[in-house]
Amino acid sequence: MTKTEFERRAAEMKARNLSAPRFRNISPPRSIFAPPMATPSPATVYVRDFLREVDIKRLSPPLAAIRRLGKLETDRDGLLDFTPAGLQLSVSPDLLLRGINAYDAVLRAVSARGWPLEIREGVVLRIMICGEPLELAVTEKTDPIAEVKVRPGERRPRRPAGALVVSLTAGYRKVMISDKRGTQIESKLPELFEKAEALAAEVYTGHERIAAIQRRDEIEWSRRRELEARVEQLDRNVAAWRRAERIRAYARAVANRMEDDGPVTPESDTAKWVAWARSYADSIDPTCRPITISPREI
């Protein structure tokens, strides 16, 4: 093949590739900085209008705080959040009444079991089981909206799934029941309470174990501090004893020197000073005092 034929065939292949439809129909890639497609806008719900057919007075007392709410807006998942009323209740407007009734059913069953409630301002309601507080929550499941496109790494918006979930949480551990396969949560409350008792017992055991470790560490720390204090006192006693011995040696040397010059009478200043020096040495000498030992030191 000559050089001329090779260049001609290369030009023909290039022309065919440029004329192929697959290259003309490709659209430029969508920039990750382009605004995402529209997401569902929040809906405003007037709570009192939803509760016109509900007798709040017949519900459990903690639910009475709902009356103080005027209106709420759904969050990005289409749910209403009742945390401002001290209730961990998060449901869509369609399940608002059922969510309230489910919350009330849990509280009534808890009251029948004799479990006290922990209600504090600014804190979600808790149920005391075996002395352990468990946070009560009634929420609605949500499903991701596949039609909405988001930037890479962003959370996909979700929509209410129409199924309720009741959970009791202690720290990072929780027990829960949910609507599933035609069975609603109202019929699963005994199962929830059995799980809650087991969780509370587990949490209590864990707290007791941690408390025992803390007590052991405190006792060990106290003994270590006591030993350090005894060693420090011993060092001070040794230093005081050595000082007392030096004072006695000095007083003895002074008395011997004075006796070399002549007899020293008890009424002389030298005799009085030597007596005072020896008395002072005895006052700072720890061996001149009885040693007391505490029961822990034996």
C-alpha atoms as a PDB file:
ATOM      1  CA  MET A   1       0.000   0.000   0.000  1.00  0.00           C
ATOM      2  CA  THR A   2       1.390   3.324  -1.008  1.00  0.00           C
ATOM      3  CA  LYS A   3       1.472   6.379   1.197  1.00  0.00           C
ATOM      4  CA  THR A   4      -1.194   8.066  -0.908  1.00  0.00           C
ATOM      5  CA  GLU A   5      -3.665   5.132  -0.555  1.00  0.00           C
ATOM      6  CA  PHE A   6      -3.056   4.964   3.230  1.00  0.00           C
ATOM      7  CA  GLU A   7      -3.840   8.674   3.688  1.00  0.00           C
ATOM      8  CA  ARG A   8      -6.995   8.317   1.545  1.00  0.00           C
ATOM      9  CA  ARG A   9      -8.352   5.392   3.589  1.00  0.00           C
ATOM     10  CA  ALA A  10      -7.594   7.181   6.869  1.00  0.00           C
ATOM     11  CA  ALA A  11      -9.540  10.227   5.660  1.00  0.00           C
ATOM     12  CA  GLU A  12     -12.537   8.040   4.699  1.00  0.00           C
ATOM     13  CA  MET A  13     -12.611   6.340   8.116  1.00  0.00           C
ATOM     14  CA  LYS A  14     -12.452   9.688   9.900  1.00  0.00           C
ATOM     15  CA  ALA A  15     -15.337  11.000   7.808  1.00  0.00           C
ATOM     16  CA  ARG A  16     -17.490   7.927   8.609  1.00  0.00           C
ATOM     17  CA  ASN A  17     -16.802   8.273  12.343  1.00  0.00           C
ATOM     18  CA  LEU A  18     -17.753  11.946  12.391  1.00  0.00           C
ATOM     19  CA  SER A  19     -20.998  11.250  10.550  1.00  0.00           C
ATOM     20  CA  ALA A  20     -22.107   8.470  12.957  1.00  0.00           C
ATOM     21  CA  PRO A  21     -25.332   9.426  14.904  1.00  0.00           C
ATOM     22  CA  ARG A  22     -24.066   8.256  18.260  1.00  0.00           C
ATOM     23  CA  PHE A  23     -21.615  11.152  18.361  1.00  0.00           C
ATOM     24  CA  ARG A  24     -24.186  13.776  17.324  1.00  0.00           C
ATOM     25  CA  ASN A  25     -26.830  12.759  19.923  1.00  0.00           C
ATOM     26  CA  ILE A  26     -24.637  12.750  23.044  1.00  0.00           C
ATOM     27  CA  SER A  27     -25.532  15.704  25.302  1.00  0.00           C
ATOM     28  CA  PRO A  28     -22.879  17.374  27.454  1.00  0.00           C
ATOM     29  CA  PRO A  29     -22.649  15.966  30.989  1.00  0.00           C
ATOM     30  CA  ARG A  30     -24.657  17.721  33.673  1.00  0.00           C
ATOM     31  CA  SER A  31     -22.424  19.798  35.925  1.00  0.00           C
ATOM     32  CA  ILE A  32     -22.331  18.807  39.589  1.00  0.00           C
ATOM     33  CA  PHE A  33     -22.709  22.499  40.376  1.00  0.00           C
ATOM     34  CA  ALA A  34     -26.013  22.773  38.507  1.00  0.00           C
ATOM     35  CA  PRO A  35     -29.063  23.218  40.757  1.00  0.00           C
ATOM     36  CA  PRO A  36     -30.849  19.952  41.560  1.00  0.00           C
ATOM     37  CA  MET A  37     -34.329  19.171  40.382  1.00  0.00           C
ATOM     38  CA  ALA A  38     -37.159  20.578  42.467  1.00  0.00           C
ATOM     39  CA  THR A  39     -37.881  18.748  45.717  1.00  0.00           C
ATOM     40  CA  PRO A  40     -41.274  18.591  47.427  1.00  0.00           C
ATOM     41  CA  SER A  41     -42.053  21.883  49.129  1.00  0.00           C
ATOM     42  CA  PRO A  42     -42.958  21.899  52.850  1.00  0.00           C
ATOM     43  CA  ALA A  43     -46.629  21.885  53.805  1.00  0.00           C
ATOM     44  CA  THR A  44     -48.121  23.936  56.619  1.00  0.00           C
ATOM     45  CA  VAL A  45     -50.420  22.048  58.973  1.00  0.00           C
ATOM     46  CA  TYR A  46     -52.705  23.695  61.547  1.00  0.00           C
ATOM     47  CA  VAL A  47     -52.587  21.173  64.351  1.00  0.00           C
ATOM     48  CA  ARG A  48     -55.787  22.322  66.035  1.00  0.00           C
ATOM     49  CA  ASP A  49     -57.771  21.748  62.845  1.00  0.00           C
ATOM     50  CA  PHE A  50     -56.575  18.142  62.778  1.00  0.00           C
ATOM     51  CA  LEU A  51     -57.526  17.664  66.419  1.00  0.00           C
ATOM     52  CA  ARG A  52     -61.084  18.975  66.226  1.00  0.00           C
ATOM     53  CA  GLU A  53     -62.494  15.464  66.367  1.00  0.00           C
ATOM     54  CA  VAL A  54     -60.081  14.366  69.111  1.00  0.00           C
ATOM     55  CA  ASP A  55     -60.853  14.893  72.770  1.00  0.00           C
ATOM     56  CA  ILE A  56     -57.449  15.914  74.126  1.00  0.00           C
ATOM     57  CA  LYS A  57     -58.704  15.628  77.698  1.00  0.00           C
ATOM     58  CA  ARG A  58     -59.242  11.901  77.263  1.00  0.00           C
ATOM     59  CA  LEU A  59     -55.662  11.361  76.107  1.00  0.00           C
ATOM     60  CA  SER A  60     -52.720  10.794  78.436  1.00  0.00           C
ATOM     61  CA  PRO A  61     -51.592  14.012  80.224  1.00  0.00           C
ATOM     62  CA  PRO A  62     -48.250  14.354  78.353  1.00  0.00           C
ATOM     63  CA  LEU A  63     -50.172  14.657  75.069  1.00  0.00           C
ATOM     64  CA  ALA A  64     -51.951  17.763  76.334  1.00  0.00           C
ATOM     65  CA  ALA A  65     -48.885  19.797  75.269  1.00  0.00           C
ATOM     66  CA  ILE A  66     -50.020  19.392  71.641  1.00  0.00           C
ATOM     67  CA  ARG A  67     -52.740  21.982  72.258  1.00  0.00           C
ATOM     68  CA  ARG A  68     -50.094  24.677  72.667  1.00  0.00           C
ATOM     69  CA  LEU A  69     -48.896  24.147  69.107  1.00  0.00           C
ATOM     70  CA  GLY A  70     -50.453  26.422  66.507  1.00  0.00           C
ATOM     71  CA  LYS A  71     -49.063  25.284  63.200  1.00  0.00           C
ATOM     72  CA  LEU A  72     -46.214  23.110  62.025  1.00  0.00           C
ATOM     73  CA  GLU A  73     -44.388  22.715  58.738  1.00  0.00           C
ATOM     74  CA  THR A  74     -43.351  19.380  57.343  1.00  0.00           C
ATOM     75  CA  ASP A  75     -39.625  18.767  57.134  1.00  0.00           C
ATOM     76  CA  ARG A  76     -37.760  17.761  53.983  1.00  0.00           C
ATOM     77  CA  ASP A  77     -39.118  14.209  54.363  1.00  0.00           C
ATOM     78  CA  GLY A  78     -42.729  15.380  54.667  1.00  0.00           C
ATOM     79  CA  LEU A  79     -43.007  14.679  58.416  1.00  0.00           C
ATOM     80  CA  LEU A  80     -44.282  16.796  61.295  1.00  0.00           C
ATOM     81  CA  ASP A  81     -41.927  17.075  64.270  1.00  0.00           C
ATOM     82  CA  PHE A  82     -43.564  17.418  67.713  1.00  0.00           C
ATOM     83  CA  THR A  83     -40.308  17.824  69.654  1.00  0.00           C
ATOM     84  CA  PRO A  84     -41.304  21.401  70.709  1.00  0.00           C
ATOM     85  CA  ALA A  85     -44.098  19.773  72.729  1.00  0.00           C
ATOM     86  CA  GLY A  86     -41.641  17.415  74.445  1.00  0.00           C
ATOM     87  CA  LEU A  87     -42.852  14.459  72.380  1.00  0.00           C
ATOM     88  CA  GLN A  88     -40.649  12.436  70.080  1.00  0.00           C
ATOM     89  CA  LEU A  89     -43.446  12.118  67.556  1.00  0.00           C
ATOM     90  CA  SER A  90     -42.623  12.449  63.860  1.00  0.00           C
ATOM     91  CA  VAL A  91     -45.375  11.527  61.359  1.00  0.00           C
ATOM     92  CA  SER A  92     -46.905  12.794  58.155  1.00  0.00           C
ATOM     93  CA  PRO A  93     -50.187  14.743  58.207  1.00  0.00           C
ATOM     94  CA  ASP A  94     -51.996  11.650  56.892  1.00  0.00           C
ATOM     95  CA  LEU A  95     -50.930   9.588  59.936  1.00  0.00           C
ATOM     96  CA  LEU A  96     -51.085  12.380  62.516  1.00  0.00           C
ATOM     97  CA  LEU A  97     -54.204  11.118  64.307  1.00  0.00           C
ATOM     98  CA  ARG A  98     -53.043   7.508  64.256  1.00  0.00           C
ATOM     99  CA  GLY A  99     -49.611   8.537  65.506  1.00  0.00           C
ATOM    100  CA  ILE A 100     -51.153  10.423  68.433  1.00  0.00           C
ATOM    101  CA  ASN A 101     -53.408   7.490  69.271  1.00  0.00           C
ATOM    102  CA  ALA A 102     -50.455   5.089  69.099  1.00  0.00           C
ATOM    103  CA  TYR A 103     -48.458   7.327  71.431  1.00  0.00           C
ATOM    104  CA  ASP A 104     -51.422   7.436  73.800  1.00  0.00           C
ATOM    105  CA  ALA A 105     -51.798   3.651  73.659  1.00  0.00           C
ATOM    106  CA  VAL A 106     -48.163   3.198  74.681  1.00  0.00           C
ATOM    107  CA  LEU A 107     -48.523   5.633  77.589  1.00  0.00           C
ATOM    108  CA  ARG A 108     -51.683   3.931  78.826  1.00  0.00           C
ATOM    109  CA  ALA A 109     -50.038   0.504  78.699  1.00  0.00           C
ATOM    110  CA  VAL A 110     -47.007   1.888  80.521  1.00  0.00           C
ATOM    111  CA  SER A 111     -49.235   3.363  83.226  1.00  0.00           C
ATOM    112  CA  ALA A 112     -50.999  -0.002  83.629  1.00  0.00           C
ATOM    113  CA  ARG A 113     -47.633  -1.647  84.214  1.00  0.00           C
ATOM    114  CA  GLY A 114     -46.753   0.888  86.904  1.00  0.00           C
ATOM    115  CA  TRP A 115     -43.756   2.337  85.084  1.00  0.00           C
ATOM    116  CA  PRO A 116     -43.248   6.024  85.958  1.00  0.00           C
ATOM    117  CA  LEU A 117     -42.649   8.718  83.366  1.00  0.00           C
ATOM    118  CA  GLU A 118     -39.821  11.233  83.375  1.00  0.00           C
ATOM    119  CA  ILE A 119     -41.154  14.536  82.049  1.00  0.00           C
ATOM    120  CA  ARG A 120     -38.809  17.529  82.065  1.00  0.00           C
ATOM    121  CA  GLU A 121     -38.982  20.777  80.149  1.00  0.00           C
ATOM    122  CA  GLY A 122     -36.769  20.759  77.078  1.00  0.00           C
ATOM    123  CA  VAL A 123     -36.290  16.977  77.242  1.00  0.00           C
ATOM    124  CA  VAL A 124     -38.255  14.346  75.338  1.00  0.00           C
ATOM    125  CA  LEU A 125     -40.472  12.067  77.397  1.00  0.00           C
ATOM    126  CA  ARG A 126     -38.806   9.038  78.962  1.00  0.00           C
ATOM    127  CA  ILE A 127     -40.177   5.864  80.530  1.00  0.00           C
ATOM    128  CA  MET A 128     -38.485   4.551  83.680  1.00  0.00           C
ATOM    129  CA  ILE A 129     -38.081   0.782  83.375  1.00  0.00           C
ATOM    130  CA  CYS A 130     -36.065  -1.009  86.089  1.00  0.00           C
ATOM    131  CA  GLY A 131     -34.757   2.391  87.138  1.00  0.00           C
ATOM    132  CA  GLU A 132     -33.416   3.147  83.650  1.00  0.00           C
ATOM    133  CA  PRO A 133     -34.856   5.968  81.472  1.00  0.00           C
ATOM    134  CA  LEU A 134     -35.817   4.907  77.945  1.00  0.00           C
ATOM    135  CA  GLU A 135     -36.806   7.522  75.354  1.00  0.00           C
ATOM    136  CA  LEU A 136     -40.154   6.865  73.711  1.00  0.00           C
ATOM    137  CA  ALA A 137     -40.506   7.685  70.012  1.00  0.00           C
ATOM    138  CA  VAL A 138     -43.319   7.178  67.503  1.00  0.00           C
ATOM    139  CA  THR A 139     -42.134   7.848  63.958  1.00  0.00           C
ATOM    140  CA  GLU A 140     -43.168   7.094  60.407  1.00  0.00           C
ATOM    141  CA  LYS A 141     -40.949   5.262  57.962  1.00  0.00           C
ATOM    142  CA  THR A 142     -39.752   7.126  54.874  1.00  0.00           C
ATOM    143  CA  ASP A 143     -38.671   5.915  51.437  1.00  0.00           C
ATOM    144  CA  PRO A 144     -36.211   7.676  49.110  1.00  0.00           C
ATOM    145  CA  ILE A 145     -37.721   9.514  46.130  1.00  0.00           C
ATOM    146  CA  ALA A 146     -36.091   7.932  43.105  1.00  0.00           C
ATOM    147  CA  GLU A 147     -37.374  10.592  40.683  1.00  0.00           C
ATOM    148  CA  VAL A 148     -35.485  13.427  42.366  1.00  0.00           C
ATOM    149  CA  LYS A 149     -31.893  13.850  41.196  1.00  0.00           C
ATOM    150  CA  VAL A 150     -29.288  15.175  43.602  1.00  0.00           C
ATOM    151  CA  ARG A 151     -25.644  16.095  43.407  1.00  0.00           C
ATOM    152  CA  PRO A 152     -23.095  13.376  44.193  1.00  0.00           C
ATOM    153  CA  GLY A 153     -22.771  12.950  47.956  1.00  0.00           C
ATOM    154  CA  GLU A 154     -26.054  14.697  48.781  1.00  0.00           C
ATOM    155  CA  ARG A 155     -28.873  13.018  50.681  1.00  0.00           C
ATOM    156  CA  ARG A 156     -31.752  11.955  48.491  1.00  0.00           C
ATOM    157  CA  PRO A 157     -35.115  13.397  49.585  1.00  0.00           C
ATOM    158  CA  ARG A 158     -37.553  10.926  51.095  1.00  0.00           C
ATOM    159  CA  ARG A 159     -41.321  10.599  51.324  1.00  0.00           C
ATOM    160  CA  PRO A 160     -43.552   9.132  54.072  1.00  0.00           C
ATOM    161  CA  ALA A 161     -44.093   5.396  53.658  1.00  0.00           C
ATOM    162  CA  GLY A 162     -47.340   5.140  55.650  1.00  0.00           C
ATOM    163  CA  ALA A 163     -45.932   2.742  58.279  1.00  0.00           C
ATOM    164  CA  LEU A 164     -45.454   3.623  61.959  1.00  0.00           C
ATOM    165  CA  VAL A 165     -42.525   2.651  64.162  1.00  0.00           C
ATOM    166  CA  VAL A 166     -42.485   2.703  67.979  1.00  0.00           C
ATOM    167  CA  SER A 167     -39.077   2.600  69.634  1.00  0.00           C
ATOM    168  CA  LEU A 168     -37.604   2.795  73.121  1.00  0.00           C
ATOM    169  CA  THR A 169     -34.007   3.998  73.187  1.00  0.00           C
ATOM    170  CA  ALA A 170     -31.285   3.888  75.831  1.00  0.00           C
ATOM    171  CA  GLY A 171     -28.151   5.596  74.554  1.00  0.00           C
ATOM    172  CA  TYR A 172     -27.148   3.929  71.295  1.00  0.00           C
ATOM    173  CA  ARG A 173     -29.282   0.815  71.892  1.00  0.00           C
ATOM    174  CA  LYS A 174     -32.962   0.555  71.093  1.00  0.00           C
ATOM    175  CA  VAL A 175     -35.867  -1.816  70.744  1.00  0.00           C
ATOM    176  CA  MET A 176     -38.644  -1.234  68.253  1.00  0.00           C
ATOM    177  CA  ILE A 177     -41.765  -2.539  66.563  1.00  0.00           C
ATOM    178  CA  SER A 178     -43.232  -1.443  63.234  1.00  0.00           C
ATOM    179  CA  ASP A 179     -46.153  -1.945  60.881  1.00  0.00           C
ATOM    180  CA  LYS A 180     -45.328  -4.930  58.714  1.00  0.00           C
ATOM    181  CA  ARG A 181     -47.194  -7.424  56.539  1.00  0.00           C
ATOM    182  CA  GLY A 182     -50.626  -6.178  57.491  1.00  0.00           C
ATOM    183  CA  THR A 183     -49.897  -6.222  61.239  1.00  0.00           C
ATOM    184  CA  GLN A 184     -50.009  -2.845  62.944  1.00  0.00           C
ATOM    185  CA  ILE A 185     -48.008  -1.742  65.957  1.00  0.00           C
ATOM    186  CA  GLU A 186     -51.056  -1.549  68.233  1.00  0.00           C
ATOM    187  CA  SER A 187     -51.104  -5.351  68.413  1.00  0.00           C
ATOM    188  CA  LYS A 188     -47.347  -5.586  69.047  1.00  0.00           C
ATOM    189  CA  LEU A 189     -47.108  -3.516  72.242  1.00  0.00           C
ATOM    190  CA  PRO A 190     -46.632  -6.548  74.557  1.00  0.00           C
ATOM    191  CA  GLU A 191     -43.699  -7.619  72.392  1.00  0.00           C
ATOM    192  CA  LEU A 192     -42.232  -4.097  72.639  1.00  0.00           C
ATOM    193  CA  PHE A 193     -42.475  -4.059  76.434  1.00  0.00           C
ATOM    194  CA  GLU A 194     -40.794  -7.460  76.738  1.00  0.00           C
ATOM    195  CA  LYS A 195     -37.896  -6.168  74.643  1.00  0.00           C
ATOM    196  CA  ALA A 196     -37.823  -2.952  76.680  1.00  0.00           C
ATOM    197  CA  GLU A 197     -37.558  -4.847  79.979  1.00  0.00           C
ATOM    198  CA  ALA A 198     -34.685  -6.910  78.600  1.00  0.00           C
ATOM    199  CA  LEU A 199     -32.944  -3.755  77.339  1.00  0.00           C
ATOM    200  CA  ALA A 200     -33.423  -1.935  80.653  1.00  0.00           C
ATOM    201  CA  ALA A 201     -32.028  -4.922  82.564  1.00  0.00           C
ATOM    202  CA  GLU A 202     -29.038  -5.017  80.229  1.00  0.00           C
ATOM    203  CA  VAL A 203     -28.436  -1.290  80.637  1.00  0.00           C
ATOM    204  CA  TYR A 204     -28.790  -1.561  84.421  1.00  0.00           C
ATOM    205  CA  THR A 205     -26.260  -4.400  84.530  1.00  0.00           C
ATOM    206  CA  GLY A 206     -23.872  -2.362  82.428  1.00  0.00           C
ATOM    207  CA  HIS A 207     -24.230   0.661  84.699  1.00  0.00           C
ATOM    208  CA  GLU A 208     -23.656  -1.508  87.786  1.00  0.00           C
ATOM    209  CA  ARG A 209     -20.525  -2.954  86.217  1.00  0.00           C
ATOM    210  CA  ILE A 210     -19.218   0.520  85.390  1.00  0.00           C
ATOM    211  CA  ALA A 211     -20.064   1.735  88.917  1.00  0.00           C
ATOM    212  CA  ALA A 212     -18.186  -1.218  90.430  1.00  0.00           C
ATOM    213  CA  ILE A 213     -15.146  -0.421  88.314  1.00  0.00           C
ATOM    214  CA  GLN A 214     -15.334   3.226  89.360  1.00  0.00           C
ATOM    215  CA  ARG A 215     -15.584   2.274  93.047  1.00  0.00           C
ATOM    216  CA  ARG A 216     -12.611  -0.038  92.698  1.00  0.00           C
ATOM    217  CA  ASP A 217     -10.608   2.700  90.972  1.00  0.00           C
ATOM    218  CA  GLU A 218     -11.562   5.203  93.688  1.00  0.00           C
ATOM    219  CA  ILE A 219     -10.453   2.796  96.441  1.00  0.00           C
ATOM    220  CA  GLU A 220      -7.181   2.156  94.630  1.00  0.00           C
ATOM    221  CA  TRP A 221      -6.631   5.879  94.127  1.00  0.00           C
ATOM    222  CA  SER A 222      -7.384   6.538  97.826  1.00  0.00           C
ATOM    223  CA  ARG A 223      -4.914   3.871  98.925  1.00  0.00           C
ATOM    224  CA  ARG A 224      -2.270   5.224  96.604  1.00  0.00           C
ATOM    225  CA  ARG A 225      -2.777   8.757  97.904  1.00  0.00           C
ATOM    226  CA  GLU A 226      -2.647   7.464 101.500  1.00  0.00           C
ATOM    227  CA  LEU A 227       0.603   5.618 100.811  1.00  0.00           C
ATOM    228  CA  GLU A 228       2.101   8.714  99.214  1.00  0.00           C
ATOM    229  CA  ALA A 229       1.058  10.787 102.246  1.00  0.00           C
ATOM    230  CA  ARG A 230       2.662   8.239 104.642  1.00  0.00           C
ATOM    231  CA  VAL A 231       5.907   8.284 102.645  1.00  0.00           C
ATOM    232  CA  GLU A 232       5.943  12.085 102.648  1.00  0.00           C
ATOM    233  CA  GLN A 233       5.362  12.127 106.420  1.00  0.00           C
ATOM    234  CA  LEU A 234       8.172   9.575 106.881  1.00  0.00           C
ATOM    235  CA  ASP A 235      10.543  11.771 104.893  1.00  0.00           C
ATOM    236  CA  ARG A 236       9.602  14.755 107.058  1.00  0.00           C
ATOM    237  CA  ASN A 237      10.140  12.708 110.252  1.00  0.00           C
ATOM    238  CA  VAL A 238      13.575  11.566 109.081  1.00  0.00           C
ATOM    239  CA  ALA A 239      14.549  15.133 108.250  1.00  0.00           C
ATOM    240  CA  ALA A 240      13.303  16.355 111.660  1.00  0.00           C
ATOM    241  CA  TRP A 241      15.150  13.520 113.469  1.00  0.00           C
ATOM    242  CA  ARG A 242      18.415  14.356 111.703  1.00  0.00           C
ATOM    243  CA  ARG A 243      18.019  18.022 112.590  1.00  0.00           C
ATOM    244  CA  ALA A 244      17.338  17.119 116.237  1.00  0.00           C
ATOM    245  CA  GLU A 245      20.484  14.947 116.301  1.00  0.00           C
ATOM    246  CA  ARG A 246      22.570  17.766 114.842  1.00  0.00           C
ATOM    247  CA  ILE A 247      21.220  20.191 117.462  1.00  0.00           C
ATOM    248  CA  ARG A 248      22.052  17.720 120.281  1.00  0.00           C
ATOM    249  CA  ALA A 249      25.546  17.199 118.881  1.00  0.00           C
ATOM    250  CA  TYR A 250      26.090  20.928 118.654  1.00  0.00           C
ATOM    251  CA  ALA A 251      24.781  21.504 122.224  1.00  0.00           C
ATOM    252  CA  ARG A 252      27.033  18.694 123.483  1.00  0.00           C
ATOM    253  CA  ALA A 253      30.040  20.221 121.716  1.00  0.00           C
ATOM    254  CA  VAL A 254      29.294  23.641 123.233  1.00  0.00           C
ATOM    255  CA  ALA A 255      28.958  22.135 126.732  1.00  0.00           C
ATOM    256  CA  ASN A 256      32.250  20.226 126.347  1.00  0.00           C
ATOM    257  CA  ARG A 257      34.053  23.342 125.174  1.00  0.00           C
ATOM    258  CA  MET A 258      32.749  25.363 128.094  1.00  0.00           C
ATOM    259  CA  GLU A 259      33.773  22.625 130.555  1.00  0.00           C
ATOM    260  CA  ASP A 260      37.315  22.754 129.164  1.00  0.00           C
ATOM    261  CA  ASP A 261      37.534  26.374 130.332  1.00  0.00           C
ATOM    262  CA  GLY A 262      36.220  25.516 133.775  1.00  0.00           C
ATOM    263  CA  PRO A 263      33.291  24.024 135.651  1.00  0.00           C
ATOM    264  CA  VAL A 264      29.843  25.104 134.389  1.00  0.00           C
ATOM    265  CA  THR A 265      27.265  25.762 137.092  1.00  0.00           C
ATOM    266  CA  PRO A 266      23.576  25.030 136.511  1.00  0.00           C
ATOM    267  CA  GLU A 267      22.786  28.741 137.055  1.00  0.00           C
ATOM    268  CA  SER A 268      25.134  29.901 134.271  1.00  0.00           C
ATOM    269  CA  ASP A 269      23.933  31.128 130.899  1.00  0.00           C
ATOM    270  CA  THR A 270      25.813  28.317 129.172  1.00  0.00           C
ATOM    271  CA  ALA A 271      24.003  25.640 131.158  1.00  0.00           C
ATOM    272  CA  LYS A 272      20.638  27.301 130.549  1.00  0.00           C
ATOM    273  CA  TRP A 273      21.292  27.570 126.804  1.00  0.00           C
ATOM    274  CA  VAL A 274      22.402  23.915 126.546  1.00  0.00           C
ATOM    275  CA  ALA A 275      19.258  22.824 128.425  1.00  0.00           C
ATOM    276  CA  TRP A 276      17.073  24.878 126.097  1.00  0.00           C
ATOM    277  CA  ALA A 277      18.793  23.486 122.980  1.00  0.00           C
ATOM    278  CA  ARG A 278      18.298  19.906 124.152  1.00  0.00           C
ATOM    279  CA  SER A 279      14.675  20.607 125.027  1.00  0.00           C
ATOM    280  CA  TYR A 280      14.070  22.089 121.567  1.00  0.00           C
ATOM    281  CA  ALA A 281      15.725  19.072 119.933  1.00  0.00           C
ATOM    282  CA  ASP A 282      13.373  16.789 121.887  1.00  0.00           C
ATOM    283  CA  SER A 283      10.359  18.857 120.776  1.00  0.00           C
ATOM    284  CA  ILE A 284      11.120  18.393 117.064  1.00  0.00           C
ATOM    285  CA  ASP A 285      12.371  14.806 117.346  1.00  0.00           C
ATOM    286  CA  PRO A 286       9.591  12.434 116.150  1.00  0.00           C
ATOM    287  CA  THR A 287      11.145   9.561 118.108  1.00  0.00           C
ATOM    288  CA  CYS A 288      10.242  11.345 121.334  1.00  0.00           C
ATOM    289  CA  ARG A 289       6.532  11.013 120.518  1.00  0.00           C
ATOM    290  CA  PRO A 290       4.451   7.819 120.372  1.00  0.00           C
ATOM    291  CA  ILE A 291       3.825   6.414 116.885  1.00  0.00           C
ATOM    292  CA  THR A 292       0.157   5.968 115.943  1.00  0.00           C
ATOM    293  CA  ILE A 293      -0.838   3.508 113.230  1.00  0.00           C
ATOM    294  CA  SER A 294      -4.245   3.546 111.560  1.00  0.00           C
ATOM    295  CA  PRO A 295      -6.071   0.249 110.940  1.00  0.00           C
ATOM    296  CA  ARG A 296      -5.376   0.564 107.202  1.00  0.00           C
ATOM    297  CA  GLU A 297      -1.628   0.657 107.850  1.00  0.00           C
ATOM    298  CA  ILE A 298      -1.585  -2.658 109.700  1.00  0.00           C
END
